[in-house]
Amino acid sequence: MGLGVRWTLHGDGRTPAPGAVVRPDERLSWPRTAGLGAQHVVAMFGASFVAPVLMGLDPNLAIMMSGVATVIFLLATRGRVPSYLGCSLSFVGVAAAIRASGGDSAVVTGAVFVVGAALFLAGLAVQRFGARIIHAAMPPVVTGAVVMLIGFNLAPVTASTYWPQDQWTALLTMAFTGLAVVCLRGFWSRIAIFLGLVFGYGISWIFDLVFGKIHSPVGGPEAVDHWRLDLSGVGKADWVGLPTFHAPHFEWSAILIALPVVIALIAENAGHIKAVGEMTGDSLDDKLGTAIAADGAASMLSTAVGGPPNTTYSENIGVMAATRVYSTAAYWAAAGFALLFGLCPKFGAVVAAIPGGVLGGITVILYGMIGLLGAQIWINGRVDLRNPLNLVPAAAGIIIGVGGVELNITDSFELGGIALGTIVVITGYHALRYFAPPHLKRQEPLLDAGTSGYDATAEGPSGEPGDKRG
């Protein structure tokens, strides 16, 4: 297929035949392909909007680099893996922890750049040795615990930063988003977060008209009078312009906080590759290493210019399942739309104006979902938590990660939170397994081919976490 940029027309180019699917190397007519691309952009909007805002990064640059990352991914996988790469929600907790310790945006992107490099190397290792090394180093009990502590570590951000800005808007937004996630069907359920943002925008505007300014903390501990929805920056923003770029800055303390997210990203990619392979009927096991490496390379490029890291998005996989169109041409169209949005500062100003109360309502659900995906990994991996070999390292690591326990190594270097929790889970599990009596060692079979041991639902929030999402 070469670079995967040549497609044959499927049928009459209008709709898939009954029972048929549009394969990655096929396409519908170009107008319909462009429409599908726009739909993919809308599907990833929710998480890709929220993630850079929560990380304190430029949303315009995030959207633009998601388009660049998608192009890199499609070229690297030779058009065999239809997927969109959007901003990863798995790094939100990392960014919050780095900023809490005094780091700025350059330190955040520097730490995440190193994570992208580690992910790239992990992809090369999987490509060389096979997926068995993932399961050997990170069995489900470890992966699930790390994803869980990453998600639940975010709880104080919602409780202390976003929710207090406007508790009633947060409560209504949370209720609406929850109803949208549960009650809507098909494509609409895939953009429930985006719909929650729109609803929160509307409620904030109405409350400003009816009740006037609110007296609450915003951007600091002191309560002040302010509008819930401040669109003054939108009017001042240009329609066309470049986003804000900055170079990364590297600090070891921040890098150690960020590195554990590699585990969540590998789990996300494995789940997504498995899901897409099952839907298309084309075994993609041989592309797992390439996909992970491409994700890492794309994240390195994005963070090198000041953008957020990227990961494959389950929202877009859901769109493919609903439409039965797996054409990579649609993702090229989506990448093109994302690039255009990134060159519109007014669009970024609208995203940056999301009220704090709205973020509070959405993140209550979103952060919890990220954490509970760790439990889903345990369920899919049939992890027996009655076995102390599984229970002890997972329990200790989660409490350390969620509670923000710190270990002072020297006067100027300390480990804590996500980093320390992850180290405890990984080293604790393998050390205890080495010394455990034989009756506690119920060895799970290693993966000897592709991702056959992974369930498609064991993917991030994007997404993260993952992902997400993002």
Protein backbone atom coordinates (compact mmCIF):
# COMPACT_ATOMS: atom_id res chain seq x y z
CA MET A 1 0.00 0.00 0.00
CA GLY A 2 3.09 2.27 0.09
CA LEU A 3 2.40 5.21 2.38
CA GLY A 4 -1.29 4.39 2.51
CA VAL A 5 -2.46 7.47 0.62
CA ARG A 6 -4.13 5.72 -2.29
CA TRP A 7 -7.71 4.56 -1.92
CA THR A 8 -10.15 2.71 -4.15
CA LEU A 9 -13.74 3.90 -4.37
CA HIS A 10 -16.12 1.76 -2.33
CA GLY A 11 -19.17 0.74 -4.35
CA ASP A 12 -20.99 3.77 -5.70
CA GLY A 13 -19.14 6.05 -3.27
CA ARG A 14 -22.29 6.92 -1.36
CA THR A 15 -22.95 4.41 1.42
CA PRO A 16 -21.55 1.00 2.36
CA ALA A 17 -23.46 -1.93 0.91
CA PRO A 18 -25.68 -3.88 3.37
CA GLY A 19 -23.43 -5.82 5.73
CA ALA A 20 -20.28 -4.35 4.16
CA VAL A 21 -17.71 -1.95 5.60
CA VAL A 22 -15.52 0.68 3.98
CA ARG A 23 -12.02 -0.69 4.57
CA PRO A 24 -9.00 1.49 5.44
CA ASP A 25 -7.74 1.41 1.83
CA GLU A 26 -11.17 2.36 0.45
CA ARG A 27 -13.12 5.61 0.51
CA LEU A 28 -16.49 7.10 -0.27
CA SER A 29 -16.86 10.13 -2.54
CA TRP A 30 -14.65 13.02 -1.55
CA PRO A 31 -17.53 15.25 -0.30
CA ARG A 32 -18.74 12.39 1.93
CA THR A 33 -15.18 11.68 3.04
CA ALA A 34 -14.76 15.34 4.02
CA GLY A 35 -18.03 15.18 5.95
CA LEU A 36 -16.84 12.10 7.82
CA GLY A 37 -13.57 13.88 8.58
CA ALA A 38 -15.50 16.80 10.08
CA GLN A 39 -17.50 14.33 12.16
CA HIS A 40 -14.28 12.82 13.50
CA VAL A 41 -13.08 16.29 14.51
CA VAL A 42 -16.33 16.93 16.39
CA ALA A 43 -16.03 13.54 18.11
CA MET A 44 -12.59 14.37 19.51
CA PHE A 45 -13.50 17.98 20.40
CA GLY A 46 -14.64 17.33 23.97
CA ALA A 47 -11.46 15.75 25.33
CA SER A 48 -9.15 17.73 23.04
CA PHE A 49 -10.77 20.96 24.26
CA VAL A 50 -10.65 20.10 27.93
CA ALA A 51 -7.19 18.48 28.15
CA PRO A 52 -4.97 21.44 27.10
CA VAL A 53 -7.05 23.84 29.18
CA LEU A 54 -6.62 21.64 32.26
CA MET A 55 -2.89 21.32 31.52
CA GLY A 56 -2.51 25.09 31.11
CA LEU A 57 -1.42 24.82 27.47
CA ASP A 58 -2.56 26.60 24.30
CA PRO A 59 -5.73 24.87 22.98
CA ASN A 60 -5.12 26.21 19.46
CA LEU A 61 -1.71 24.59 19.37
CA ALA A 62 -3.17 21.38 20.82
CA ILE A 63 -5.76 21.09 18.06
CA MET A 64 -3.26 21.94 15.32
CA MET A 65 -0.68 19.44 16.59
CA SER A 66 -3.35 16.75 16.87
CA GLY A 67 -3.75 17.07 13.11
CA VAL A 68 0.02 16.84 12.60
CA ALA A 69 0.20 13.84 14.95
CA THR A 70 -2.58 12.06 13.06
CA VAL A 71 -0.72 12.52 9.77
CA ILE A 72 2.47 11.08 11.33
CA PHE A 73 0.53 8.10 12.68
CA LEU A 74 -1.19 7.36 9.36
CA LEU A 75 2.10 7.52 7.46
CA ALA A 76 3.94 5.36 9.99
CA THR A 77 1.28 2.63 9.96
CA ARG A 78 1.07 2.78 6.14
CA GLY A 79 -2.65 3.54 6.27
CA ARG A 80 -3.54 0.20 7.89
CA VAL A 81 -4.61 1.59 11.27
CA PRO A 82 -7.43 4.19 11.02
CA SER A 83 -7.13 6.29 14.15
CA TYR A 84 -7.11 9.90 15.31
CA LEU A 85 -4.44 11.18 17.71
CA GLY A 86 -5.76 13.80 20.10
CA CYS A 87 -4.55 15.40 23.33
CA SER A 88 -4.12 12.77 26.06
CA LEU A 89 -6.04 13.25 29.31
CA SER A 90 -3.65 10.88 31.05
CA PHE A 91 -1.23 13.78 31.53
CA VAL A 92 -3.64 16.15 33.26
CA GLY A 93 -2.68 14.92 36.72
CA VAL A 94 0.98 15.06 35.80
CA ALA A 95 0.67 18.69 34.67
CA ALA A 96 -1.21 19.60 37.85
CA ALA A 97 1.46 17.97 40.03
CA ILE A 98 4.31 19.68 38.15
CA ARG A 99 2.66 23.09 38.39
CA ALA A 100 1.91 22.56 42.09
CA SER A 101 5.64 22.07 42.65
CA GLY A 102 6.46 25.35 40.89
CA GLY A 103 6.89 24.22 37.28
CA ASP A 104 5.65 26.26 34.34
CA SER A 105 4.42 25.26 30.87
CA ALA A 106 7.97 24.72 29.59
CA VAL A 107 8.70 22.30 32.44
CA VAL A 108 5.42 20.47 31.78
CA THR A 109 6.17 20.00 28.08
CA GLY A 110 9.77 19.05 28.82
CA ALA A 111 8.68 16.25 31.13
CA VAL A 112 6.08 15.04 28.66
CA PHE A 113 8.63 15.14 25.82
CA VAL A 114 10.68 12.56 27.73
CA VAL A 115 7.55 10.43 28.15
CA GLY A 116 7.05 10.58 24.38
CA ALA A 117 10.64 9.44 23.87
CA ALA A 118 10.12 6.55 26.31
CA LEU A 119 6.93 5.57 24.48
CA PHE A 120 8.79 5.66 21.16
CA LEU A 121 11.49 3.33 22.53
CA ALA A 122 8.83 1.04 23.99
CA GLY A 123 7.25 0.81 20.56
CA LEU A 124 10.55 -0.16 18.99
CA ALA A 125 11.02 -2.82 21.68
CA VAL A 126 7.55 -4.27 21.04
CA GLN A 127 8.25 -4.24 17.31
CA ARG A 128 11.49 -6.16 17.91
CA PHE A 129 10.52 -8.63 20.65
CA GLY A 130 6.72 -8.84 20.42
CA ALA A 131 3.91 -7.92 22.79
CA ARG A 132 5.00 -10.54 25.34
CA ILE A 133 7.36 -8.00 26.90
CA ILE A 134 4.40 -5.74 27.75
CA HIS A 135 2.67 -8.47 29.70
CA ALA A 136 5.87 -9.65 31.38
CA ALA A 137 6.84 -6.20 32.67
CA MET A 138 3.35 -4.81 33.19
CA PRO A 139 0.74 -7.49 33.91
CA PRO A 140 -2.88 -6.32 34.34
CA VAL A 141 -2.54 -5.91 38.12
CA VAL A 142 0.25 -3.37 37.59
CA THR A 143 -1.30 -1.57 34.61
CA GLY A 144 -4.70 -1.29 36.28
CA ALA A 145 -3.24 0.09 39.51
CA VAL A 146 -1.16 2.72 37.72
CA VAL A 147 -4.10 3.90 35.57
CA MET A 148 -6.27 4.04 38.69
CA LEU A 149 -3.84 6.13 40.74
CA ILE A 150 -3.28 8.51 37.80
CA GLY A 151 -7.03 9.16 37.53
CA PHE A 152 -7.84 9.44 41.23
CA ASN A 153 -4.80 11.64 41.86
CA LEU A 154 -6.78 14.34 40.01
CA ALA A 155 -9.61 14.49 42.57
CA PRO A 156 -8.12 17.43 44.54
CA VAL A 157 -7.85 19.48 41.33
CA THR A 158 -11.62 19.32 40.85
CA ALA A 159 -12.43 19.74 44.53
CA SER A 160 -10.16 22.70 45.24
CA THR A 161 -9.74 24.47 41.89
CA TYR A 162 -12.77 24.13 39.59
CA TRP A 163 -15.80 23.21 41.67
CA PRO A 164 -15.55 26.17 44.12
CA GLN A 165 -15.64 28.68 41.26
CA ASP A 166 -19.35 28.02 40.71
CA GLN A 167 -20.78 25.03 42.55
CA TRP A 168 -24.30 25.23 41.11
CA THR A 169 -23.13 25.43 37.50
CA ALA A 170 -20.76 22.54 38.27
CA LEU A 171 -23.61 20.48 39.73
CA LEU A 172 -25.93 21.10 36.77
CA THR A 173 -23.16 20.44 34.25
CA MET A 174 -22.25 17.20 36.02
CA ALA A 175 -25.89 16.06 35.97
CA PHE A 176 -26.37 16.92 32.29
CA THR A 177 -23.10 15.29 31.23
CA GLY A 178 -23.93 12.14 33.17
CA LEU A 179 -27.35 11.93 31.53
CA ALA A 180 -25.77 12.50 28.11
CA VAL A 181 -23.22 9.73 28.62
CA VAL A 182 -25.82 7.23 29.82
CA CYS A 183 -28.97 8.08 27.86
CA LEU A 184 -27.76 9.18 24.44
CA ARG A 185 -27.04 6.63 21.73
CA GLY A 186 -24.61 6.23 18.85
CA PHE A 187 -22.66 9.27 17.72
CA TRP A 188 -24.26 11.61 20.29
CA SER A 189 -23.04 9.50 23.19
CA ARG A 190 -19.52 9.78 21.78
CA ILE A 191 -19.58 13.57 22.07
CA ALA A 192 -21.25 13.69 25.50
CA ILE A 193 -18.34 15.66 26.99
CA PHE A 194 -18.60 18.21 24.19
CA LEU A 195 -22.36 18.50 24.76
CA GLY A 196 -21.69 19.00 28.47
CA LEU A 197 -19.37 21.89 27.61
CA VAL A 198 -22.01 23.51 25.42
CA PHE A 199 -24.65 23.06 28.13
CA GLY A 200 -22.34 24.54 30.77
CA TYR A 201 -21.60 27.52 28.52
CA GLY A 202 -25.33 28.16 28.16
CA ILE A 203 -26.08 27.80 31.87
CA SER A 204 -23.22 30.14 32.78
CA TRP A 205 -24.49 32.75 30.33
CA ILE A 206 -28.04 32.50 31.68
CA PHE A 207 -26.88 32.73 35.30
CA ASP A 208 -24.85 35.84 34.46
CA LEU A 209 -27.93 37.47 32.94
CA VAL A 210 -30.24 36.50 35.82
CA PHE A 211 -27.99 36.72 38.90
CA GLY A 212 -25.14 38.98 37.77
CA LYS A 213 -21.55 38.42 38.88
CA ILE A 214 -20.60 35.61 41.24
CA HIS A 215 -18.38 36.01 44.31
CA SER A 216 -16.00 33.05 44.34
CA PRO A 217 -12.31 32.10 43.94
CA VAL A 218 -10.97 32.22 40.40
CA GLY A 219 -7.28 31.72 39.66
CA GLY A 220 -6.37 32.04 43.34
CA PRO A 221 -7.49 31.38 46.92
CA GLU A 222 -9.26 34.71 47.41
CA ALA A 223 -12.94 35.08 46.44
CA VAL A 224 -13.64 37.96 44.04
CA ASP A 225 -16.58 39.23 41.99
CA HIS A 226 -16.40 37.97 38.41
CA TRP A 227 -18.53 36.90 35.47
CA ARG A 228 -19.01 33.20 35.09
CA LEU A 229 -18.56 33.44 31.31
CA ASP A 230 -16.01 36.05 30.25
CA LEU A 231 -15.85 36.34 26.46
CA SER A 232 -13.81 39.54 26.36
CA GLY A 233 -10.82 37.65 25.01
CA VAL A 234 -12.86 36.27 22.11
CA GLY A 235 -13.62 39.72 20.73
CA LYS A 236 -9.96 40.72 20.88
CA ALA A 237 -8.65 37.55 19.21
CA ASP A 238 -7.82 37.47 15.49
CA TRP A 239 -9.57 35.17 13.05
CA VAL A 240 -6.29 33.97 11.53
CA GLY A 241 -2.94 33.58 13.22
CA LEU A 242 -0.35 31.16 14.55
CA PRO A 243 -0.74 29.60 17.99
CA THR A 244 1.75 30.30 20.78
CA PHE A 245 4.93 28.19 20.60
CA HIS A 246 7.51 27.60 23.33
CA ALA A 247 10.49 25.32 23.84
CA PRO A 248 10.46 22.61 26.52
CA HIS A 249 12.58 22.79 29.67
CA PHE A 250 13.83 19.63 31.37
CA GLU A 251 13.85 19.04 35.13
CA TRP A 252 14.45 15.61 36.64
CA SER A 253 11.83 16.02 39.35
CA ALA A 254 9.14 16.76 36.75
CA ILE A 255 10.29 13.95 34.46
CA LEU A 256 9.98 11.39 37.27
CA ILE A 257 6.42 12.56 37.93
CA ALA A 258 5.49 12.17 34.26
CA LEU A 259 7.20 8.87 33.33
CA PRO A 260 4.56 6.54 34.87
CA VAL A 261 2.05 7.69 32.25
CA VAL A 262 3.97 5.57 29.72
CA ILE A 263 2.22 2.55 31.21
CA ALA A 264 -1.23 4.03 30.62
CA LEU A 265 -0.35 5.02 27.04
CA ILE A 266 0.89 1.52 26.18
CA ALA A 267 -2.35 0.07 27.56
CA GLU A 268 -4.40 2.59 25.54
CA ASN A 269 -2.59 1.81 22.31
CA ALA A 270 -2.84 -1.94 22.81
CA GLY A 271 -6.57 -1.72 23.44
CA HIS A 272 -7.17 0.53 20.45
CA ILE A 273 -5.17 -1.62 18.05
CA LYS A 274 -7.10 -4.67 19.21
CA ALA A 275 -10.44 -2.89 18.83
CA VAL A 276 -9.72 -1.56 15.33
CA GLY A 277 -8.39 -4.95 14.20
CA GLU A 278 -11.57 -6.69 15.35
CA MET A 279 -13.83 -4.13 13.66
CA THR A 280 -12.01 -4.16 10.33
CA GLY A 281 -11.41 -7.92 10.32
CA ASP A 282 -7.73 -7.26 9.61
CA SER A 283 -5.30 -8.55 12.22
CA LEU A 284 -3.15 -5.60 13.26
CA ASP A 285 -0.98 -7.42 15.78
CA ASP A 286 2.10 -6.78 13.66
CA LYS A 287 1.41 -3.03 13.82
CA LEU A 288 1.24 -2.70 17.61
CA GLY A 289 4.90 -1.72 17.97
CA THR A 290 4.70 0.67 15.03
CA ALA A 291 1.57 2.32 16.43
CA ILE A 292 3.13 2.80 19.87
CA ALA A 293 6.34 4.21 18.35
CA ALA A 294 4.35 6.54 16.07
CA ASP A 295 2.35 7.81 19.05
CA GLY A 296 5.61 8.49 20.89
CA ALA A 297 7.18 10.28 17.91
CA ALA A 298 4.07 12.43 17.40
CA SER A 299 4.03 13.38 21.10
CA MET A 300 7.70 14.32 20.95
CA LEU A 301 7.08 16.62 18.01
CA SER A 302 4.05 18.23 19.65
CA THR A 303 5.74 18.88 22.99
CA ALA A 304 8.92 20.12 21.26
CA VAL A 305 6.97 23.19 20.11
CA GLY A 306 4.96 23.64 23.31
CA GLY A 307 1.93 21.47 22.60
CA PRO A 308 0.45 18.60 24.64
CA PRO A 309 1.13 14.88 24.11
CA ASN A 310 -1.20 12.79 21.98
CA THR A 311 -2.81 9.39 22.06
CA THR A 312 -5.28 7.37 19.99
CA TYR A 313 -8.91 8.31 20.66
CA SER A 314 -11.65 5.83 21.49
CA GLU A 315 -14.28 8.46 20.57
CA ASN A 316 -13.23 8.18 16.95
CA ILE A 317 -13.17 4.40 17.09
CA GLY A 318 -16.78 4.64 18.22
CA VAL A 319 -17.62 6.82 15.21
CA MET A 320 -16.15 4.18 12.89
CA ALA A 321 -18.19 1.46 14.58
CA ALA A 322 -21.37 3.51 14.12
CA THR A 323 -20.76 4.45 10.48
CA ARG A 324 -18.96 1.25 9.34
CA VAL A 325 -16.48 3.53 7.54
CA TYR A 326 -12.86 2.74 8.44
CA SER A 327 -11.31 4.69 5.58
CA THR A 328 -8.05 6.42 6.49
CA ALA A 329 -8.98 9.07 3.92
CA ALA A 330 -11.53 10.37 6.44
CA TYR A 331 -8.75 10.77 9.00
CA TRP A 332 -6.64 12.72 6.52
CA ALA A 333 -9.63 15.02 6.11
CA ALA A 334 -10.00 15.28 9.89
CA ALA A 335 -6.33 16.19 10.23
CA GLY A 336 -6.79 18.93 7.64
CA PHE A 337 -9.75 20.42 9.55
CA ALA A 338 -7.77 20.31 12.81
CA LEU A 339 -4.92 22.24 11.20
CA LEU A 340 -7.36 24.92 10.06
CA PHE A 341 -8.91 25.23 13.52
CA GLY A 342 -5.44 25.58 15.01
CA LEU A 343 -4.79 28.62 12.83
CA CYS A 344 -7.85 30.44 14.22
CA PRO A 345 -6.99 32.28 17.48
CA LYS A 346 -10.64 33.22 17.97
CA PHE A 347 -11.45 29.53 18.22
CA GLY A 348 -8.78 29.11 20.90
CA ALA A 349 -10.16 32.09 22.82
CA VAL A 350 -13.60 30.44 22.92
CA VAL A 351 -12.02 27.28 24.35
CA ALA A 352 -9.96 29.23 26.89
CA ALA A 353 -13.14 30.97 28.11
CA ILE A 354 -14.69 27.75 29.44
CA PRO A 355 -16.01 28.72 32.91
CA GLY A 356 -14.39 27.08 35.91
CA GLY A 357 -17.72 25.77 37.15
CA VAL A 358 -18.26 23.97 33.85
CA LEU A 359 -14.86 22.31 34.13
CA GLY A 360 -15.73 21.36 37.69
CA GLY A 361 -18.86 19.50 36.63
CA ILE A 362 -17.18 17.72 33.74
CA THR A 363 -14.00 16.75 35.55
CA VAL A 364 -15.92 15.11 38.40
CA ILE A 365 -17.07 12.52 35.87
CA LEU A 366 -14.02 12.56 33.60
CA TYR A 367 -11.38 12.07 36.29
CA GLY A 368 -13.41 9.33 37.93
CA MET A 369 -13.79 7.56 34.60
CA ILE A 370 -10.03 7.66 34.06
CA GLY A 371 -9.43 6.07 37.45
CA LEU A 372 -12.11 3.43 37.06
CA LEU A 373 -10.61 2.33 33.75
CA GLY A 374 -7.91 0.85 35.94
CA ALA A 375 -10.55 -1.31 37.60
CA GLN A 376 -11.80 -2.29 34.14
CA ILE A 377 -8.28 -3.47 33.25
CA TRP A 378 -8.33 -5.63 36.38
CA ILE A 379 -11.68 -7.12 35.39
CA ASN A 380 -10.58 -7.84 31.82
CA GLY A 381 -7.32 -9.35 33.08
CA ARG A 382 -9.16 -11.44 35.70
CA VAL A 383 -6.94 -10.06 38.46
CA ASP A 384 -7.60 -11.85 41.76
CA LEU A 385 -7.36 -9.24 44.51
CA ARG A 386 -7.81 -11.96 47.13
CA ASN A 387 -4.24 -12.94 46.35
CA PRO A 388 -1.94 -10.82 48.56
CA LEU A 389 0.68 -10.86 45.82
CA ASN A 390 -1.70 -8.70 43.77
CA LEU A 391 -3.41 -6.89 46.62
CA VAL A 392 -0.43 -5.54 48.59
CA PRO A 393 1.53 -3.66 45.86
CA ALA A 394 -1.67 -2.33 44.24
CA ALA A 395 -3.11 -1.13 47.56
CA ALA A 396 0.11 0.53 48.68
CA GLY A 397 0.78 2.21 45.33
CA ILE A 398 -2.75 3.56 44.95
CA ILE A 399 -2.83 5.10 48.43
CA ILE A 400 0.58 6.69 47.88
CA GLY A 401 -0.43 8.02 44.45
CA VAL A 402 -3.88 9.31 45.43
CA GLY A 403 -2.86 10.64 48.83
CA GLY A 404 0.24 12.44 47.61
CA VAL A 405 2.61 10.62 49.97
CA GLU A 406 6.17 11.92 49.63
CA LEU A 407 9.59 10.35 50.15
CA ASN A 408 12.39 12.88 50.74
CA ILE A 409 15.55 11.45 49.17
CA THR A 410 17.69 14.55 49.76
CA ASP A 411 17.01 18.16 50.70
CA SER A 412 16.50 19.01 47.04
CA PHE A 413 15.04 15.78 45.65
CA GLU A 414 11.86 13.99 46.60
CA LEU A 415 9.51 11.40 45.14
CA GLY A 416 5.80 11.50 45.69
CA GLY A 417 2.31 11.09 44.31
CA ILE A 418 2.05 9.47 40.90
CA ALA A 419 5.80 8.80 40.52
CA LEU A 420 6.29 7.14 43.91
CA GLY A 421 3.02 5.25 43.66
CA THR A 422 3.98 3.79 40.29
CA ILE A 423 7.43 2.77 41.51
CA VAL A 424 5.88 1.02 44.49
CA VAL A 425 3.38 -0.87 42.32
CA ILE A 426 5.92 -2.06 39.72
CA THR A 427 8.90 -2.83 41.94
CA GLY A 428 6.69 -4.08 44.74
CA TYR A 429 4.86 -6.56 42.53
CA HIS A 430 7.97 -8.02 40.91
CA ALA A 431 9.95 -8.12 44.19
CA LEU A 432 7.12 -9.80 46.08
CA ARG A 433 6.61 -12.24 43.24
CA TYR A 434 10.27 -13.23 43.44
CA PHE A 435 10.05 -14.00 47.16
CA ALA A 436 6.45 -15.29 47.27
CA PRO A 437 5.76 -18.97 47.99
CA PRO A 438 4.78 -21.10 44.99
CA HIS A 439 1.09 -21.35 45.89
CA LEU A 440 0.69 -17.56 45.46
CA LYS A 441 2.25 -17.54 42.00
CA ARG A 442 -0.51 -18.21 39.54
CA GLN A 443 1.45 -17.49 36.40
CA GLU A 444 -0.66 -16.01 33.61
CA PRO A 445 0.37 -17.04 30.09
CA LEU A 446 2.58 -14.49 28.38
CA LEU A 447 1.39 -12.96 25.16
CA ASP A 448 3.12 -14.81 22.38
CA ALA A 449 1.44 -13.11 19.44
CA GLY A 450 0.09 -9.63 19.08
CA THR A 451 -2.37 -8.31 21.62
CA SER A 452 -4.55 -11.38 21.96
CA GLY A 453 -4.51 -11.10 25.73
CA TYR A 454 -5.88 -7.58 25.77
CA ASP A 455 -9.56 -6.78 25.76
CA ALA A 456 -10.70 -3.97 23.49
CA THR A 457 -12.33 -2.18 26.40
CA ALA A 458 -9.06 -1.81 28.27
CA GLU A 459 -8.32 1.50 26.59
CA GLY A 460 -7.74 5.06 27.83
CA PRO A 461 -10.21 8.22 28.18
CA SER A 462 -9.63 9.95 25.18
CA GLY A 463 -9.40 9.67 26.68
CA GLU A 464 -7.52 9.72 27.72
CA PRO A 465 -7.12 7.00 29.95
CA GLY A 466 -6.95 6.69 29.35
CA ASP A 467 -7.62 9.17 27.76
CA LYS A 468 -7.74 9.68 27.31
CA ARG A 469 -8.12 10.49 26.79
CA GLY A 470 -7.91 11.43 26.53
